[in-house]
Amino acid sequence: MALETWMGTRLFDRSVNPITLTPAGRMFRSLAADILRSMHAARNLVGGYEQFAENDHVVHFAVAHTLVFTLFPDWLKRLTNEFGNIMARVQAVNVPEGVQHLVAGDCDLLIGYHHPQLPIALDPNHFPFLTLGVERIVPVSAAAPDGKPLFELPGKTGRPLPLLAYSSGAFLGNVVEMLLMNATEPYSLYRCFETHMSEALKGMVVAGHGIGWLPESCITKELHEGTLVRAGSNVWATELEIRLYRPVKQRGQAAEQLWAYISNQSIEPRIEVLPEMLTPG
């Protein structure tokens, strides 16, 4: 019951015996399984280093929630193949939270999003950065039987679109608010759901609850399979820079060597982009 209340939909059909999953429940089970597999893969990749307690041997990462699932595992694997074994500890964070960790000295490296209209309050003289890549955040909706979006921007007056939103203070939420503030045409939306996790927001969009903005790296599979479709033209999307930050104050030996290697080699993330994502709208 608590899970159904949080999800805002009925997951179990209690009118039959034995109890069965509703269509929404089956969809959630599939999405939850994907999330758990990603979490276990990330844990197996970067975890298991408790025996290496000294900072000189461990690199402490703070990584934006979305990127810890989409970019980080493959990027770290390729970096390890080229640089050598990396004893990493990783914390998934919202970007503002990651900035606090970096400033407080609680992490060696921060990987997060950046947008020029939403600058991160880090002095580059004290917190230099490298650009790892660029991706877009786009509005998406579940697909109708004809392949068109169930919900499509800008919406109609009197029939506002249900908006699946990020919680207040979340960096991606600020990006969406910026897009709406800069909109060149009237739109009609009403807020019906909030979360700070893009994976949770994606699950709600896939289940057909409304329209939501998601980074493309988060939804490559769903767009390819057609379970999600673009819900607006490119005027409703924007590019996000992916940055790697460090404090100028010297950290442990492993962190210093890794930063020097990345600076010289530019190990870029691989973000899959489907051809239809590049079609101008």
C-alpha atoms as a PDB file:
ATOM      1  CA  MET A   1       0.000   0.000   0.000  1.00  0.00           C
ATOM      2  CA  ALA A   2       2.787   2.443   0.862  1.00  0.00           C
ATOM      3  CA  LEU A   3       4.487   1.758  -2.474  1.00  0.00           C
ATOM      4  CA  GLU A   4       1.232   2.296  -4.348  1.00  0.00           C
ATOM      5  CA  THR A   5       0.655   5.554  -2.484  1.00  0.00           C
ATOM      6  CA  TRP A   6       4.155   6.750  -3.360  1.00  0.00           C
ATOM      7  CA  MET A   7       3.786   5.713  -7.010  1.00  0.00           C
ATOM      8  CA  GLY A   8       0.342   7.273  -7.242  1.00  0.00           C
ATOM      9  CA  THR A   9      -1.174   4.278  -8.986  1.00  0.00           C
ATOM     10  CA  ARG A  10      -2.583   0.804  -8.258  1.00  0.00           C
ATOM     11  CA  LEU A  11       0.067  -1.911  -8.626  1.00  0.00           C
ATOM     12  CA  PHE A  12      -1.916  -4.938  -7.361  1.00  0.00           C
ATOM     13  CA  ASP A  13      -5.304  -6.298  -8.385  1.00  0.00           C
ATOM     14  CA  ARG A  14      -6.843  -7.391  -5.065  1.00  0.00           C
ATOM     15  CA  SER A  15     -10.205  -8.272  -6.592  1.00  0.00           C
ATOM     16  CA  VAL A  16      -8.932 -11.724  -7.575  1.00  0.00           C
ATOM     17  CA  ASN A  17      -7.443 -14.612  -5.644  1.00  0.00           C
ATOM     18  CA  PRO A  18      -4.515 -14.985  -5.755  1.00  0.00           C
ATOM     19  CA  ILE A  19      -3.633 -11.283  -5.985  1.00  0.00           C
ATOM     20  CA  THR A  20      -2.052 -10.342  -9.334  1.00  0.00           C
ATOM     21  CA  LEU A  21      -0.158  -7.375 -10.688  1.00  0.00           C
ATOM     22  CA  THR A  22      -1.987  -4.691 -12.641  1.00  0.00           C
ATOM     23  CA  PRO A  23      -0.511  -3.575 -16.001  1.00  0.00           C
ATOM     24  CA  ALA A  24       1.138  -0.681 -14.145  1.00  0.00           C
ATOM     25  CA  GLY A  25       2.473  -3.162 -11.580  1.00  0.00           C
ATOM     26  CA  ARG A  26       3.998  -5.348 -14.277  1.00  0.00           C
ATOM     27  CA  MET A  27       5.628  -2.292 -15.850  1.00  0.00           C
ATOM     28  CA  PHE A  28       7.002  -1.165 -12.474  1.00  0.00           C
ATOM     29  CA  ARG A  29       8.384  -4.656 -11.746  1.00  0.00           C
ATOM     30  CA  SER A  30      10.257  -4.619 -15.048  1.00  0.00           C
ATOM     31  CA  LEU A  31      11.642  -1.109 -14.447  1.00  0.00           C
ATOM     32  CA  ALA A  32      12.577  -1.927 -10.856  1.00  0.00           C
ATOM     33  CA  ALA A  33      14.461  -5.004 -12.056  1.00  0.00           C
ATOM     34  CA  ASP A  34      16.412  -2.856 -14.539  1.00  0.00           C
ATOM     35  CA  ILE A  35      17.297  -0.366 -11.797  1.00  0.00           C
ATOM     36  CA  LEU A  36      18.445  -3.134  -9.447  1.00  0.00           C
ATOM     37  CA  ARG A  37      20.598  -4.698 -12.166  1.00  0.00           C
ATOM     38  CA  SER A  38      22.214  -1.316 -12.838  1.00  0.00           C
ATOM     39  CA  MET A  39      22.809  -0.776  -9.126  1.00  0.00           C
ATOM     40  CA  HIS A  40      24.405  -4.204  -8.713  1.00  0.00           C
ATOM     41  CA  ALA A  41      26.553  -3.667 -11.820  1.00  0.00           C
ATOM     42  CA  ALA A  42      27.743  -0.307 -10.505  1.00  0.00           C
ATOM     43  CA  ARG A  43      28.431  -1.791  -7.055  1.00  0.00           C
ATOM     44  CA  ASN A  44      30.382  -4.701  -8.503  1.00  0.00           C
ATOM     45  CA  LEU A  45      32.368  -2.348 -10.697  1.00  0.00           C
ATOM     46  CA  VAL A  46      33.391   0.244  -8.129  1.00  0.00           C
ATOM     47  CA  GLY A  47      32.769  -1.426  -4.786  1.00  0.00           C
ATOM     48  CA  GLY A  48      34.602  -3.912  -2.651  1.00  0.00           C
ATOM     49  CA  TYR A  49      37.509  -1.721  -1.700  1.00  0.00           C
ATOM     50  CA  GLU A  50      36.930  -1.333   2.033  1.00  0.00           C
ATOM     51  CA  GLN A  51      40.274  -2.949   2.712  1.00  0.00           C
ATOM     52  CA  PHE A  52      41.984   0.020   1.075  1.00  0.00           C
ATOM     53  CA  ALA A  53      41.179   2.614   3.708  1.00  0.00           C
ATOM     54  CA  GLU A  54      44.049   5.010   3.126  1.00  0.00           C
ATOM     55  CA  ASN A  55      43.167   8.027   0.993  1.00  0.00           C
ATOM     56  CA  ASP A  56      46.394   7.687  -1.000  1.00  0.00           C
ATOM     57  CA  HIS A  57      45.092   4.436  -2.499  1.00  0.00           C
ATOM     58  CA  VAL A  58      41.414   5.315  -2.987  1.00  0.00           C
ATOM     59  CA  VAL A  59      39.747   7.822  -5.318  1.00  0.00           C
ATOM     60  CA  HIS A  60      36.526   9.235  -3.888  1.00  0.00           C
ATOM     61  CA  PHE A  61      33.965  10.164  -6.554  1.00  0.00           C
ATOM     62  CA  ALA A  62      30.745  12.122  -6.181  1.00  0.00           C
ATOM     63  CA  VAL A  63      28.622  11.491  -9.292  1.00  0.00           C
ATOM     64  CA  ALA A  64      25.278  12.972 -10.344  1.00  0.00           C
ATOM     65  CA  HIS A  65      22.446  10.458  -9.863  1.00  0.00           C
ATOM     66  CA  THR A  66      21.706   9.984 -13.565  1.00  0.00           C
ATOM     67  CA  LEU A  67      25.355   9.741 -14.588  1.00  0.00           C
ATOM     68  CA  VAL A  68      26.179   7.114 -11.968  1.00  0.00           C
ATOM     69  CA  PHE A  69      23.866   4.751 -13.899  1.00  0.00           C
ATOM     70  CA  THR A  70      24.444   5.872 -17.487  1.00  0.00           C
ATOM     71  CA  LEU A  71      27.945   7.255 -17.962  1.00  0.00           C
ATOM     72  CA  PHE A  72      30.087   6.267 -15.005  1.00  0.00           C
ATOM     73  CA  PRO A  73      30.301   2.439 -15.180  1.00  0.00           C
ATOM     74  CA  ASP A  74      31.463   2.314 -18.816  1.00  0.00           C
ATOM     75  CA  TRP A  75      33.695   5.394 -18.462  1.00  0.00           C
ATOM     76  CA  LEU A  76      35.433   3.962 -15.380  1.00  0.00           C
ATOM     77  CA  LYS A  77      35.848   0.570 -17.048  1.00  0.00           C
ATOM     78  CA  ARG A  78      37.554   2.065 -20.093  1.00  0.00           C
ATOM     79  CA  LEU A  79      39.619   4.351 -17.888  1.00  0.00           C
ATOM     80  CA  THR A  80      40.718   1.351 -15.817  1.00  0.00           C
ATOM     81  CA  ASN A  81      41.696  -0.552 -18.964  1.00  0.00           C
ATOM     82  CA  GLU A  82      43.965   2.306 -20.057  1.00  0.00           C
ATOM     83  CA  PHE A  83      45.179   3.769 -16.747  1.00  0.00           C
ATOM     84  CA  GLY A  84      45.261   0.657 -14.574  1.00  0.00           C
ATOM     85  CA  ASN A  85      43.295  -0.520 -11.568  1.00  0.00           C
ATOM     86  CA  ILE A  86      41.402   2.233  -9.745  1.00  0.00           C
ATOM     87  CA  MET A  87      40.238   1.725  -6.181  1.00  0.00           C
ATOM     88  CA  ALA A  88      37.107   3.847  -6.268  1.00  0.00           C
ATOM     89  CA  ARG A  89      34.444   4.843  -3.775  1.00  0.00           C
ATOM     90  CA  VAL A  90      31.371   6.394  -5.344  1.00  0.00           C
ATOM     91  CA  GLN A  91      28.510   8.406  -3.906  1.00  0.00           C
ATOM     92  CA  ALA A  92      25.470   9.248  -6.041  1.00  0.00           C
ATOM     93  CA  VAL A  93      24.489  12.870  -5.443  1.00  0.00           C
ATOM     94  CA  ASN A  94      22.397  15.731  -6.685  1.00  0.00           C
ATOM     95  CA  VAL A  95      24.716  18.318  -8.269  1.00  0.00           C
ATOM     96  CA  PRO A  96      24.386  20.921  -5.457  1.00  0.00           C
ATOM     97  CA  GLU A  97      25.042  18.176  -2.904  1.00  0.00           C
ATOM     98  CA  GLY A  98      28.111  17.066  -4.851  1.00  0.00           C
ATOM     99  CA  VAL A  99      29.416  20.645  -4.865  1.00  0.00           C
ATOM    100  CA  GLN A 100      29.116  20.701  -1.072  1.00  0.00           C
ATOM    101  CA  HIS A 101      31.074  17.436  -0.816  1.00  0.00           C
ATOM    102  CA  LEU A 102      33.809  18.809  -3.076  1.00  0.00           C
ATOM    103  CA  VAL A 103      34.116  22.086  -1.151  1.00  0.00           C
ATOM    104  CA  ALA A 104      34.135  20.254   2.187  1.00  0.00           C
ATOM    105  CA  GLY A 105      36.890  17.910   0.995  1.00  0.00           C
ATOM    106  CA  ASP A 106      34.659  14.828   1.250  1.00  0.00           C
ATOM    107  CA  CYS A 107      35.415  13.711  -2.309  1.00  0.00           C
ATOM    108  CA  ASP A 108      38.358  13.893  -4.721  1.00  0.00           C
ATOM    109  CA  LEU A 109      36.410  14.254  -7.977  1.00  0.00           C
ATOM    110  CA  LEU A 110      32.912  15.419  -8.855  1.00  0.00           C
ATOM    111  CA  ILE A 111      31.140  14.434 -12.078  1.00  0.00           C
ATOM    112  CA  GLY A 112      28.019  16.451 -12.783  1.00  0.00           C
ATOM    113  CA  TYR A 113      26.010  18.450 -15.268  1.00  0.00           C
ATOM    114  CA  HIS A 114      26.567  22.107 -16.112  1.00  0.00           C
ATOM    115  CA  HIS A 115      24.492  24.626 -18.058  1.00  0.00           C
ATOM    116  CA  PRO A 116      25.724  28.162 -18.845  1.00  0.00           C
ATOM    117  CA  GLN A 117      22.454  29.693 -17.617  1.00  0.00           C
ATOM    118  CA  LEU A 118      22.698  27.724 -14.360  1.00  0.00           C
ATOM    119  CA  PRO A 119      26.372  28.072 -13.413  1.00  0.00           C
ATOM    120  CA  ILE A 120      27.748  25.977 -10.580  1.00  0.00           C
ATOM    121  CA  ALA A 121      29.165  28.148  -7.806  1.00  0.00           C
ATOM    122  CA  LEU A 122      32.728  26.831  -7.982  1.00  0.00           C
ATOM    123  CA  ASP A 123      35.642  29.202  -8.524  1.00  0.00           C
ATOM    124  CA  PRO A 124      37.710  27.648 -11.358  1.00  0.00           C
ATOM    125  CA  ASN A 125      40.855  28.997  -9.684  1.00  0.00           C
ATOM    126  CA  HIS A 126      40.141  26.723  -6.732  1.00  0.00           C
ATOM    127  CA  PHE A 127      38.135  23.978  -8.471  1.00  0.00           C
ATOM    128  CA  PRO A 128      39.415  23.382 -12.013  1.00  0.00           C
ATOM    129  CA  PHE A 129      37.370  21.170 -14.320  1.00  0.00           C
ATOM    130  CA  LEU A 130      37.536  19.098 -17.500  1.00  0.00           C
ATOM    131  CA  THR A 131      34.673  18.713 -19.964  1.00  0.00           C
ATOM    132  CA  LEU A 132      33.899  15.032 -20.512  1.00  0.00           C
ATOM    133  CA  GLY A 133      31.113  15.436 -23.042  1.00  0.00           C
ATOM    134  CA  VAL A 134      27.723  16.886 -23.863  1.00  0.00           C
ATOM    135  CA  GLU A 135      24.222  15.441 -23.904  1.00  0.00           C
ATOM    136  CA  ARG A 136      20.699  16.797 -24.119  1.00  0.00           C
ATOM    137  CA  ILE A 137      17.722  16.787 -21.791  1.00  0.00           C
ATOM    138  CA  VAL A 138      14.503  16.330 -23.769  1.00  0.00           C
ATOM    139  CA  PRO A 139      10.748  16.081 -23.059  1.00  0.00           C
ATOM    140  CA  VAL A 140       9.354  12.561 -23.498  1.00  0.00           C
ATOM    141  CA  SER A 141       6.066  10.727 -23.149  1.00  0.00           C
ATOM    142  CA  ALA A 142       4.821   7.169 -23.320  1.00  0.00           C
ATOM    143  CA  ALA A 143       3.741   6.201 -26.826  1.00  0.00           C
ATOM    144  CA  ALA A 144       0.125   5.740 -27.907  1.00  0.00           C
ATOM    145  CA  PRO A 145      -0.770   2.663 -30.018  1.00  0.00           C
ATOM    146  CA  ASP A 146      -0.152   4.718 -33.178  1.00  0.00           C
ATOM    147  CA  GLY A 147       3.367   5.549 -32.009  1.00  0.00           C
ATOM    148  CA  LYS A 148       2.601   9.187 -31.263  1.00  0.00           C
ATOM    149  CA  PRO A 149       3.149  10.653 -27.778  1.00  0.00           C
ATOM    150  CA  LEU A 150       0.299  10.339 -25.295  1.00  0.00           C
ATOM    151  CA  PHE A 151       1.170  13.872 -24.176  1.00  0.00           C
ATOM    152  CA  GLU A 152       2.784  16.473 -26.419  1.00  0.00           C
ATOM    153  CA  LEU A 153       3.944  20.027 -25.839  1.00  0.00           C
ATOM    154  CA  PRO A 154       2.796  22.728 -25.649  1.00  0.00           C
ATOM    155  CA  GLY A 155      -0.564  21.370 -24.443  1.00  0.00           C
ATOM    156  CA  LYS A 156      -3.902  23.105 -24.799  1.00  0.00           C
ATOM    157  CA  THR A 157      -5.625  25.691 -22.644  1.00  0.00           C
ATOM    158  CA  GLY A 158      -8.294  23.929 -20.613  1.00  0.00           C
ATOM    159  CA  ARG A 159      -6.496  20.577 -21.053  1.00  0.00           C
ATOM    160  CA  PRO A 160      -3.091  21.000 -19.362  1.00  0.00           C
ATOM    161  CA  LEU A 161      -0.548  18.226 -19.668  1.00  0.00           C
ATOM    162  CA  PRO A 162       0.407  16.283 -16.494  1.00  0.00           C
ATOM    163  CA  LEU A 163       3.990  17.233 -15.655  1.00  0.00           C
ATOM    164  CA  LEU A 164       6.234  14.684 -13.947  1.00  0.00           C
ATOM    165  CA  ALA A 165       8.732  16.985 -12.247  1.00  0.00           C
ATOM    166  CA  TYR A 166      11.983  16.971 -10.324  1.00  0.00           C
ATOM    167  CA  SER A 167      11.946  17.923  -6.657  1.00  0.00           C
ATOM    168  CA  SER A 168      12.729  21.483  -5.665  1.00  0.00           C
ATOM    169  CA  GLY A 169      16.469  22.134  -5.629  1.00  0.00           C
ATOM    170  CA  ALA A 170      17.359  19.306  -8.019  1.00  0.00           C
ATOM    171  CA  PHE A 171      19.685  20.522 -10.768  1.00  0.00           C
ATOM    172  CA  LEU A 172      17.658  18.901 -13.568  1.00  0.00           C
ATOM    173  CA  GLY A 173      14.555  20.505 -12.071  1.00  0.00           C
ATOM    174  CA  ASN A 174      16.241  23.890 -12.391  1.00  0.00           C
ATOM    175  CA  VAL A 175      17.027  23.084 -16.024  1.00  0.00           C
ATOM    176  CA  VAL A 176      13.370  22.292 -16.750  1.00  0.00           C
ATOM    177  CA  GLU A 177      12.233  25.488 -15.013  1.00  0.00           C
ATOM    178  CA  MET A 178      14.717  27.444 -17.132  1.00  0.00           C
ATOM    179  CA  LEU A 179      13.351  25.874 -20.327  1.00  0.00           C
ATOM    180  CA  LEU A 180       9.793  26.755 -19.374  1.00  0.00           C
ATOM    181  CA  MET A 181      10.746  30.310 -18.433  1.00  0.00           C
ATOM    182  CA  ASN A 182      12.452  30.719 -21.807  1.00  0.00           C
ATOM    183  CA  ALA A 183       9.569  29.182 -23.769  1.00  0.00           C
ATOM    184  CA  THR A 184       8.750  31.081 -26.954  1.00  0.00           C
ATOM    185  CA  GLU A 185       5.130  29.904 -27.056  1.00  0.00           C
ATOM    186  CA  PRO A 186       2.385  29.476 -24.447  1.00  0.00           C
ATOM    187  CA  TYR A 187       2.233  26.078 -22.755  1.00  0.00           C
ATOM    188  CA  SER A 188      -0.218  24.334 -20.463  1.00  0.00           C
ATOM    189  CA  LEU A 189       1.095  22.006 -17.743  1.00  0.00           C
ATOM    190  CA  TYR A 190       0.104  20.972 -14.246  1.00  0.00           C
ATOM    191  CA  ARG A 191       2.476  19.389 -11.727  1.00  0.00           C
ATOM    192  CA  CYS A 192       1.274  15.929 -10.677  1.00  0.00           C
ATOM    193  CA  PHE A 193       4.430  14.146  -9.443  1.00  0.00           C
ATOM    194  CA  GLU A 194       7.838  15.015  -7.976  1.00  0.00           C
ATOM    195  CA  THR A 195      11.057  13.062  -7.454  1.00  0.00           C
ATOM    196  CA  HIS A 196      14.771  13.845  -7.244  1.00  0.00           C
ATOM    197  CA  MET A 197      15.676  10.647  -9.160  1.00  0.00           C
ATOM    198  CA  SER A 198      15.590  10.591 -12.960  1.00  0.00           C
ATOM    199  CA  GLU A 199      15.159   6.798 -12.940  1.00  0.00           C
ATOM    200  CA  ALA A 200      11.991   7.139 -10.851  1.00  0.00           C
ATOM    201  CA  LEU A 201      10.721   9.890 -13.124  1.00  0.00           C
ATOM    202  CA  LYS A 202      11.434   7.697 -16.162  1.00  0.00           C
ATOM    203  CA  GLY A 203       9.377   4.882 -14.657  1.00  0.00           C
ATOM    204  CA  MET A 204       6.395   7.190 -14.267  1.00  0.00           C
ATOM    205  CA  VAL A 205       6.715   8.475 -17.831  1.00  0.00           C
ATOM    206  CA  VAL A 206       6.939   4.926 -19.222  1.00  0.00           C
ATOM    207  CA  ALA A 207       3.804   3.977 -17.250  1.00  0.00           C
ATOM    208  CA  GLY A 208       1.920   6.779 -18.992  1.00  0.00           C
ATOM    209  CA  HIS A 209       1.413   9.172 -16.103  1.00  0.00           C
ATOM    210  CA  GLY A 210       2.485  12.285 -17.979  1.00  0.00           C
ATOM    211  CA  ILE A 211       5.280  14.183 -19.667  1.00  0.00           C
ATOM    212  CA  GLY A 212       8.792  14.526 -18.237  1.00  0.00           C
ATOM    213  CA  TRP A 213      12.237  15.829 -19.156  1.00  0.00           C
ATOM    214  CA  LEU A 214      15.041  13.253 -19.130  1.00  0.00           C
ATOM    215  CA  PRO A 215      18.692  13.155 -20.240  1.00  0.00           C
ATOM    216  CA  GLU A 216      19.049  11.196 -23.481  1.00  0.00           C
ATOM    217  CA  SER A 217      21.594   8.801 -21.966  1.00  0.00           C
ATOM    218  CA  CYS A 218      18.905   7.737 -19.493  1.00  0.00           C
ATOM    219  CA  ILE A 219      16.345   6.772 -22.155  1.00  0.00           C
ATOM    220  CA  THR A 220      18.305   5.385 -25.118  1.00  0.00           C
ATOM    221  CA  LYS A 221      16.795   1.901 -24.749  1.00  0.00           C
ATOM    222  CA  GLU A 222      13.228   3.162 -24.305  1.00  0.00           C
ATOM    223  CA  LEU A 223      13.442   5.460 -27.344  1.00  0.00           C
ATOM    224  CA  HIS A 224      14.872   2.645 -29.454  1.00  0.00           C
ATOM    225  CA  GLU A 225      12.118   0.253 -28.380  1.00  0.00           C
ATOM    226  CA  GLY A 226       9.413   2.888 -28.845  1.00  0.00           C
ATOM    227  CA  THR A 227       8.105   2.741 -25.280  1.00  0.00           C
ATOM    228  CA  LEU A 228       9.057   6.422 -25.022  1.00  0.00           C
ATOM    229  CA  VAL A 229       8.865   9.075 -27.730  1.00  0.00           C
ATOM    230  CA  ARG A 230       9.826  12.723 -27.964  1.00  0.00           C
ATOM    231  CA  ALA A 231       7.029  14.927 -26.649  1.00  0.00           C
ATOM    232  CA  GLY A 232       8.147  18.210 -28.158  1.00  0.00           C
ATOM    233  CA  SER A 233      10.453  19.766 -30.731  1.00  0.00           C
ATOM    234  CA  ASN A 234      14.047  20.797 -30.089  1.00  0.00           C
ATOM    235  CA  VAL A 235      12.946  24.200 -28.781  1.00  0.00           C
ATOM    236  CA  TRP A 236      11.908  22.332 -25.613  1.00  0.00           C
ATOM    237  CA  ALA A 237      15.331  20.673 -25.231  1.00  0.00           C
ATOM    238  CA  THR A 238      18.773  21.925 -24.220  1.00  0.00           C
ATOM    239  CA  GLU A 239      22.338  20.662 -24.070  1.00  0.00           C
ATOM    240  CA  LEU A 240      24.026  19.808 -20.787  1.00  0.00           C
ATOM    241  CA  GLU A 241      27.786  19.792 -20.407  1.00  0.00           C
ATOM    242  CA  ILE A 242      29.248  16.926 -18.399  1.00  0.00           C
ATOM    243  CA  ARG A 243      32.100  18.156 -16.218  1.00  0.00           C
ATOM    244  CA  LEU A 244      34.719  16.555 -14.014  1.00  0.00           C
ATOM    245  CA  TYR A 245      35.772  18.837 -11.117  1.00  0.00           C
ATOM    246  CA  ARG A 246      38.582  18.588  -8.589  1.00  0.00           C
ATOM    247  CA  PRO A 247      39.862  20.844  -5.786  1.00  0.00           C
ATOM    248  CA  VAL A 248      43.134  22.618  -6.536  1.00  0.00           C
ATOM    249  CA  LYS A 249      44.330  21.570  -3.074  1.00  0.00           C
ATOM    250  CA  GLN A 250      46.355  18.406  -3.473  1.00  0.00           C
ATOM    251  CA  ARG A 251      44.549  15.175  -2.667  1.00  0.00           C
ATOM    252  CA  GLY A 252      45.824  11.603  -2.293  1.00  0.00           C
ATOM    253  CA  GLN A 253      48.403  10.122  -4.623  1.00  0.00           C
ATOM    254  CA  ALA A 254      45.886   7.978  -6.538  1.00  0.00           C
ATOM    255  CA  ALA A 255      43.548  10.937  -7.151  1.00  0.00           C
ATOM    256  CA  GLU A 256      46.434  13.151  -8.307  1.00  0.00           C
ATOM    257  CA  GLN A 257      47.761  10.524 -10.718  1.00  0.00           C
ATOM    258  CA  LEU A 258      44.303   9.828 -12.098  1.00  0.00           C
ATOM    259  CA  TRP A 259      43.554  13.523 -12.697  1.00  0.00           C
ATOM    260  CA  ALA A 260      46.882  13.975 -14.462  1.00  0.00           C
ATOM    261  CA  TYR A 261      46.167  10.999 -16.718  1.00  0.00           C
ATOM    262  CA  ILE A 262      42.640  12.124 -17.597  1.00  0.00           C
ATOM    263  CA  SER A 263      43.891  15.658 -18.287  1.00  0.00           C
ATOM    264  CA  ASN A 264      46.410  14.310 -20.803  1.00  0.00           C
ATOM    265  CA  GLN A 265      44.378  11.501 -22.355  1.00  0.00           C
ATOM    266  CA  SER A 266      40.825  12.902 -22.339  1.00  0.00           C
ATOM    267  CA  ILE A 267      38.921   9.687 -21.606  1.00  0.00           C
ATOM    268  CA  GLU A 268      35.530  10.729 -22.908  1.00  0.00           C
ATOM    269  CA  PRO A 269      32.230   9.064 -22.022  1.00  0.00           C
ATOM    270  CA  ARG A 270      30.260   7.193 -24.624  1.00  0.00           C
ATOM    271  CA  ILE A 271      26.701   8.473 -24.790  1.00  0.00           C
ATOM    272  CA  GLU A 272      24.523   6.642 -27.276  1.00  0.00           C
ATOM    273  CA  VAL A 273      22.471   8.988 -29.434  1.00  0.00           C
ATOM    274  CA  LEU A 274      19.860   7.627 -31.798  1.00  0.00           C
ATOM    275  CA  PRO A 275      19.519   9.237 -35.257  1.00  0.00           C
ATOM    276  CA  GLU A 276      15.984  10.417 -34.511  1.00  0.00           C
ATOM    277  CA  MET A 277      17.290  12.335 -31.494  1.00  0.00           C
ATOM    278  CA  LEU A 278      19.268  14.558 -33.846  1.00  0.00           C
ATOM    279  CA  THR A 279      16.345  15.501 -36.066  1.00  0.00           C
ATOM    280  CA  PRO A 280      15.699  19.242 -35.720  1.00  0.00           C
ATOM    281  CA  GLY A 281      12.226  20.195 -34.612  1.00  0.00           C
END
